[in-house]
Amino acid sequence: MKAVRFHEYGGIDVLRVEEVERPAPGPGQVLVEVRAAGIQPGEVMIREGARHGRWPATFPSGQGSDLAGVVAEVGPQVRGFAVGDEVLGFTHGRASHAEFVVVDDVDVVSRPQGLSWDVAGSLYVAGTTAYACVFAVDPGPTDTVVVSGAAGGVGSLAVQLARHRGATVIGLAGEGNHAWLKERGVVPVAYGEGVAERIREACGGDVDAFIDTFGDGYVDLAVELGVRPERINTIRDWQAAARVGARTYGEGAAACAVVVGELARLAARGELEVRIARSYPLEGVRDAFRELEQGHSPGKIVLRP
């Protein structure tokens, strides 16, 4: 089968699509023929070696967590899945950017009818991260929540999940994304100089919670706005969080198939929109990451093996 590999830390040019041995499922595992697999900013940091102390790579390394596809084989002791079943889920083995991947049966769920392959293959990292962010600040109908990076892969889901809880949501984003946010009941505010004043004007009162998906000073902005540290959550600025006592709930706090299944059902019912910016064939993995690293894509970027 074909799979993405890199043999050393580095930039986009170290990524290769290579012929590798097709894996076989063991006890409690299924082999999935991958139809779609999302790519993540965290994979860039791992590939560049910036997270070596926390998530070291063993070379040659694969990559990819998100996945959706069709069960091609089942191992012994698998319950609930059979060959031909359409599934979505995740792997912790950095292996979904490939034509086939072995996955533990507890890490996949059935694909709901009507859910596109691209959306199904993009839900895990961004979806569970957004879910954890919202859980961390616990917004309710009387709360006003600010979300930085509100049009990004995680932010666009976080604003919708917070609205689903009935909160008033202010989304920080560029002007080009304001119409999309308004359509989903989010109050759009432009980022940049003077953002604190624009937020205060938009909410007409206090800010109760802050979800930071971007970093770059937003934790300090939340403190400036009077948000209590326990209701600030960041997935990018861990140093600022440690300094002020904010939370750092991310994908790992909600990394389970139950959450993925809940998000998939919301998306299939039209209650959660997963924005897909573009899809690429597996051989276009360098182009896919080149677009991702530019940082302006309105939604998820997907590989289609």
Protein backbone atom coordinates (compact mmCIF):
# COMPACT_ATOMS: atom_id res chain seq x y z
CA MET A 1 0.00 0.00 0.00
CA LYS A 2 0.97 3.67 -0.23
CA ALA A 3 1.61 5.70 2.91
CA VAL A 4 3.09 9.06 3.87
CA ARG A 5 6.51 8.77 5.52
CA PHE A 6 9.32 11.06 6.64
CA HIS A 7 12.80 9.82 7.54
CA GLU A 8 14.11 12.90 9.35
CA TYR A 9 12.82 16.07 10.94
CA GLY A 10 12.39 18.95 8.55
CA GLY A 11 10.12 20.98 6.30
CA ILE A 12 7.55 19.91 3.77
CA ASP A 13 10.25 18.48 1.49
CA VAL A 14 10.92 15.55 3.88
CA LEU A 15 7.42 14.15 3.24
CA ARG A 16 7.29 11.19 0.88
CA VAL A 17 4.61 8.80 -0.37
CA GLU A 18 6.15 5.33 -0.22
CA GLU A 19 5.17 1.72 -0.87
CA VAL A 20 4.98 -0.10 2.47
CA GLU A 21 3.69 -3.42 3.68
CA ARG A 22 -0.04 -3.54 4.24
CA PRO A 23 -0.71 -4.17 7.96
CA ALA A 24 -2.87 -6.97 9.33
CA PRO A 25 -5.33 -6.47 12.19
CA GLY A 26 -4.68 -8.20 15.50
CA PRO A 27 -7.10 -9.10 18.30
CA GLY A 28 -9.67 -6.35 18.80
CA GLN A 29 -8.54 -4.48 15.68
CA VAL A 30 -9.95 -3.68 12.26
CA LEU A 31 -8.16 -2.83 9.03
CA VAL A 32 -9.73 0.25 7.45
CA GLU A 33 -9.40 1.21 3.79
CA VAL A 34 -9.04 4.97 4.21
CA ARG A 35 -11.37 7.22 2.20
CA ALA A 36 -10.48 10.51 3.94
CA ALA A 37 -7.97 11.66 6.55
CA GLY A 38 -7.66 15.19 7.90
CA ILE A 39 -4.33 16.93 8.44
CA GLN A 40 -3.43 18.96 11.54
CA PRO A 41 -1.12 21.82 12.58
CA GLY A 42 0.24 19.57 15.33
CA GLU A 43 1.57 17.19 12.68
CA VAL A 44 3.66 20.03 11.31
CA MET A 45 5.28 20.62 14.70
CA ILE A 46 5.98 16.91 15.16
CA ARG A 47 7.49 16.61 11.66
CA GLU A 48 9.69 19.67 12.22
CA GLY A 49 10.92 18.28 15.57
CA ALA A 50 9.43 21.14 17.57
CA ARG A 51 7.63 18.65 19.83
CA HIS A 52 10.45 16.11 20.12
CA GLY A 53 10.53 16.37 23.91
CA ARG A 54 6.83 15.60 24.20
CA TRP A 55 6.03 13.53 21.08
CA PRO A 56 9.30 12.21 19.62
CA ALA A 57 9.24 10.59 16.19
CA THR A 58 10.72 7.17 15.43
CA PHE A 59 12.06 7.05 11.87
CA PRO A 60 10.80 6.30 9.36
CA SER A 61 7.66 7.91 10.74
CA GLY A 62 4.13 7.91 9.45
CA GLN A 63 1.59 10.55 10.32
CA GLY A 64 -2.13 11.09 10.67
CA SER A 65 -4.76 10.60 13.39
CA ASP A 66 -8.15 11.39 11.79
CA LEU A 67 -9.66 8.80 9.48
CA ALA A 68 -12.80 7.56 7.79
CA GLY A 69 -13.18 4.58 5.54
CA VAL A 70 -14.46 1.07 4.98
CA VAL A 71 -13.58 -1.97 7.09
CA ALA A 72 -11.47 -4.28 4.89
CA GLU A 73 -10.54 -6.94 7.48
CA VAL A 74 -11.42 -7.73 11.08
CA GLY A 75 -9.14 -9.35 13.62
CA PRO A 76 -10.09 -11.89 16.28
CA GLN A 77 -12.42 -10.81 19.11
CA VAL A 78 -13.78 -7.77 17.24
CA ARG A 79 -17.31 -6.87 18.24
CA GLY A 80 -19.76 -4.66 16.44
CA PHE A 81 -17.96 -4.34 13.09
CA ALA A 82 -17.78 -6.44 9.93
CA VAL A 83 -16.08 -6.22 6.55
CA GLY A 84 -17.77 -3.55 4.47
CA ASP A 85 -18.88 -1.35 7.37
CA GLU A 86 -18.34 2.38 6.91
CA VAL A 87 -16.59 3.91 9.92
CA LEU A 88 -14.82 7.00 11.23
CA GLY A 89 -12.50 7.48 14.14
CA PHE A 90 -8.84 7.80 14.94
CA THR A 91 -5.49 6.16 15.51
CA HIS A 92 -2.76 7.08 17.98
CA GLY A 93 -0.20 5.33 15.77
CA ARG A 94 0.53 8.22 13.36
CA ALA A 95 -0.70 6.12 10.49
CA SER A 96 -3.92 7.38 8.89
CA HIS A 97 -2.25 9.20 5.98
CA ALA A 98 -2.19 5.95 4.06
CA GLU A 99 -4.36 3.71 1.92
CA PHE A 100 -4.96 1.30 4.83
CA VAL A 101 -4.63 1.63 8.60
CA VAL A 102 -5.11 -0.76 11.54
CA VAL A 103 -7.33 0.69 14.24
CA ASP A 104 -8.54 -0.60 17.62
CA ASP A 105 -12.24 -1.38 17.36
CA VAL A 106 -12.96 0.89 20.36
CA ASP A 107 -11.56 3.86 18.43
CA VAL A 108 -14.04 3.81 15.53
CA VAL A 109 -17.79 4.36 15.21
CA SER A 110 -20.23 3.80 12.38
CA ARG A 111 -20.48 6.58 9.83
CA PRO A 112 -23.95 8.17 10.08
CA GLN A 113 -25.99 8.21 6.89
CA GLY A 114 -25.53 11.43 4.99
CA LEU A 115 -22.19 12.38 6.53
CA SER A 116 -19.64 13.05 3.78
CA TRP A 117 -16.32 11.22 3.74
CA ASP A 118 -14.38 14.48 4.00
CA VAL A 119 -16.27 15.56 7.12
CA ALA A 120 -16.11 12.10 8.68
CA GLY A 121 -12.36 11.96 8.09
CA SER A 122 -11.82 15.39 9.68
CA LEU A 123 -13.76 15.14 12.92
CA TYR A 124 -11.43 13.59 15.46
CA VAL A 125 -8.66 16.07 16.31
CA ALA A 126 -10.48 19.33 15.59
CA GLY A 127 -13.80 18.05 16.90
CA THR A 128 -12.62 16.55 20.16
CA THR A 129 -10.37 19.56 20.78
CA ALA A 130 -13.30 21.94 20.31
CA TYR A 131 -15.48 19.72 22.51
CA ALA A 132 -12.85 19.78 25.27
CA CYS A 133 -12.43 23.57 25.00
CA VAL A 134 -16.15 24.14 25.45
CA PHE A 135 -16.36 21.60 28.26
CA ALA A 136 -13.46 23.36 30.03
CA VAL A 137 -15.18 26.75 30.23
CA ASP A 138 -18.70 25.27 30.69
CA PRO A 139 -20.80 27.96 28.99
CA GLY A 140 -24.52 28.29 29.62
CA PRO A 141 -27.43 30.40 28.32
CA THR A 142 -26.50 33.38 30.53
CA ASP A 143 -22.82 33.42 29.52
CA THR A 144 -20.88 35.41 26.95
CA VAL A 145 -17.96 33.47 25.48
CA VAL A 146 -15.17 34.83 23.28
CA VAL A 147 -13.41 32.45 20.87
CA SER A 148 -10.14 33.42 19.17
CA GLY A 149 -9.39 31.91 15.77
CA ALA A 150 -13.16 31.51 15.42
CA ALA A 151 -13.03 30.58 11.73
CA GLY A 152 -10.24 27.97 12.02
CA GLY A 153 -10.52 24.21 12.16
CA VAL A 154 -11.04 24.09 15.94
CA GLY A 155 -12.50 27.54 16.47
CA SER A 156 -15.26 27.12 13.89
CA LEU A 157 -16.47 24.03 15.77
CA ALA A 158 -16.03 25.57 19.23
CA VAL A 159 -18.26 28.54 18.39
CA GLN A 160 -21.00 26.21 17.18
CA LEU A 161 -20.78 23.92 20.21
CA ALA A 162 -20.90 26.90 22.56
CA ARG A 163 -23.95 28.23 20.72
CA HIS A 164 -25.48 24.75 20.99
CA ARG A 165 -25.34 25.25 24.77
CA GLY A 166 -27.21 28.52 24.43
CA ALA A 167 -24.32 30.90 25.15
CA THR A 168 -23.77 34.26 23.48
CA VAL A 169 -20.61 33.76 21.41
CA ILE A 170 -18.22 36.42 20.13
CA GLY A 171 -15.92 35.11 17.40
CA LEU A 172 -12.60 36.78 16.63
CA ALA A 173 -11.86 36.42 12.93
CA GLY A 174 -10.93 38.26 9.77
CA GLU A 175 -13.56 40.23 7.90
CA GLY A 176 -13.86 37.55 5.23
CA ASN A 177 -15.30 35.10 7.76
CA HIS A 178 -17.77 37.44 9.46
CA ALA A 179 -20.72 36.50 7.27
CA TRP A 180 -20.22 32.79 8.00
CA LEU A 181 -20.10 33.47 11.75
CA LYS A 182 -23.24 35.64 11.65
CA GLU A 183 -25.13 32.88 9.84
CA ARG A 184 -24.41 30.61 12.81
CA GLY A 185 -25.57 33.07 15.45
CA VAL A 186 -22.05 34.20 16.38
CA VAL A 187 -21.18 37.88 16.90
CA PRO A 188 -18.10 38.51 14.70
CA VAL A 189 -15.35 40.85 15.86
CA ALA A 190 -12.19 41.68 13.91
CA TYR A 191 -8.91 40.79 15.58
CA GLY A 192 -5.94 43.15 15.82
CA GLU A 193 -5.24 46.44 17.55
CA GLY A 194 -8.16 47.67 19.65
CA VAL A 195 -9.79 44.23 19.89
CA ALA A 196 -10.49 44.58 23.63
CA GLU A 197 -12.60 47.68 23.02
CA ARG A 198 -14.44 46.03 20.13
CA ILE A 199 -15.24 42.99 22.29
CA ARG A 200 -16.61 45.17 25.09
CA GLU A 201 -18.73 47.08 22.60
CA ALA A 202 -20.02 43.88 21.02
CA CYS A 203 -21.08 42.23 24.29
CA GLY A 204 -22.31 45.37 26.02
CA GLY A 205 -21.12 44.02 29.34
CA ASP A 206 -18.87 41.40 30.90
CA VAL A 207 -17.17 38.45 29.23
CA ASP A 208 -17.70 35.24 31.20
CA ALA A 209 -15.42 32.79 29.40
CA PHE A 210 -12.65 32.76 26.78
CA ILE A 211 -11.56 29.96 24.43
CA ASP A 212 -8.17 30.60 22.81
CA THR A 213 -7.38 28.49 19.75
CA PHE A 214 -4.70 30.85 18.37
CA GLY A 215 -2.23 31.88 21.08
CA ASP A 216 -0.31 35.14 20.64
CA GLY A 217 -1.47 37.00 23.74
CA TYR A 218 -5.12 35.99 23.92
CA VAL A 219 -4.81 34.53 27.41
CA ASP A 220 -3.63 37.91 28.67
CA LEU A 221 -6.47 39.56 26.75
CA ALA A 222 -8.95 37.32 28.53
CA VAL A 223 -7.52 38.38 31.89
CA GLU A 224 -7.71 42.03 30.78
CA LEU A 225 -11.40 41.48 29.98
CA GLY A 226 -11.99 40.26 33.52
CA VAL A 227 -12.47 36.57 32.79
CA ARG A 228 -11.67 34.33 35.75
CA PRO A 229 -8.66 32.06 35.04
CA GLU A 230 -10.66 28.87 35.56
CA ARG A 231 -12.93 29.94 32.68
CA ILE A 232 -10.08 30.59 30.26
CA ASN A 233 -8.95 27.69 28.08
CA THR A 234 -6.09 27.75 25.58
CA ILE A 235 -4.77 25.08 23.24
CA ARG A 236 -1.77 27.13 22.10
CA ASP A 237 -0.28 29.28 24.89
CA TRP A 238 0.62 26.88 27.68
CA GLN A 239 3.16 29.24 29.25
CA ALA A 240 0.60 32.01 29.67
CA ALA A 241 -1.89 29.48 31.02
CA ALA A 242 0.58 28.34 33.66
CA ARG A 243 1.33 31.93 34.58
CA VAL A 244 -2.28 32.99 35.13
CA GLY A 245 -3.82 29.65 36.13
CA ALA A 246 -5.88 29.10 32.97
CA ARG A 247 -6.90 25.70 31.65
CA THR A 248 -5.30 23.82 28.75
CA TYR A 249 -7.91 21.22 27.84
CA GLY A 250 -7.35 19.91 24.32
CA GLU A 251 -7.94 16.87 22.16
CA GLY A 252 -6.56 14.47 24.78
CA ALA A 253 -9.24 15.50 27.27
CA ALA A 254 -12.00 14.21 24.98
CA ALA A 255 -10.16 11.59 22.92
CA CYS A 256 -12.73 8.84 22.73
CA ALA A 257 -15.07 7.31 20.19
CA VAL A 258 -18.13 8.31 22.23
CA VAL A 259 -17.35 12.01 21.66
CA VAL A 260 -16.49 11.42 17.99
CA GLY A 261 -19.80 9.62 17.54
CA GLU A 262 -21.73 12.46 19.17
CA LEU A 263 -20.04 15.02 16.92
CA ALA A 264 -20.70 12.87 13.84
CA ARG A 265 -24.41 12.66 14.67
CA LEU A 266 -24.61 16.44 15.16
CA ALA A 267 -22.90 16.97 11.81
CA ALA A 268 -25.12 14.45 10.02
CA ARG A 269 -28.23 16.22 11.36
CA GLY A 270 -26.95 19.58 10.15
CA GLU A 271 -26.45 20.90 13.69
CA LEU A 272 -22.66 21.17 13.34
CA GLU A 273 -20.93 22.34 10.18
CA VAL A 274 -17.41 21.06 9.62
CA ARG A 275 -15.88 23.45 7.10
CA ILE A 276 -13.82 21.70 4.43
CA ALA A 277 -11.35 24.03 2.75
CA ARG A 278 -9.92 21.59 0.21
CA SER A 279 -9.07 17.95 -0.38
CA TYR A 280 -5.91 16.53 -1.94
CA PRO A 281 -4.89 13.08 -3.18
CA LEU A 282 -2.34 11.26 -1.03
CA GLU A 283 0.38 12.13 -3.56
CA GLY A 284 -0.44 15.81 -2.98
CA VAL A 285 0.47 15.67 0.72
CA ARG A 286 3.18 18.33 0.32
CA ASP A 287 0.73 20.71 -1.34
CA ALA A 288 -1.82 20.00 1.40
CA PHE A 289 0.62 20.91 4.15
CA ARG A 290 1.86 23.91 2.18
CA GLU A 291 -1.69 25.27 2.22
CA LEU A 292 -2.13 24.38 5.90
CA GLU A 293 1.08 26.15 6.91
CA GLN A 294 -0.02 29.36 5.23
CA GLY A 295 -2.60 29.56 8.03
CA HIS A 296 -5.51 31.10 6.13
CA SER A 297 -7.60 28.12 5.04
CA PRO A 298 -11.29 28.46 5.98
CA GLY A 299 -11.70 25.01 7.50
CA LYS A 300 -10.18 21.56 7.30
CA ILE A 301 -7.76 20.24 4.70
CA VAL A 302 -8.23 16.57 3.83
CA LEU A 303 -6.20 13.83 2.17
CA ARG A 304 -8.07 11.29 0.03
CA PRO A 305 -5.87 8.18 -0.33
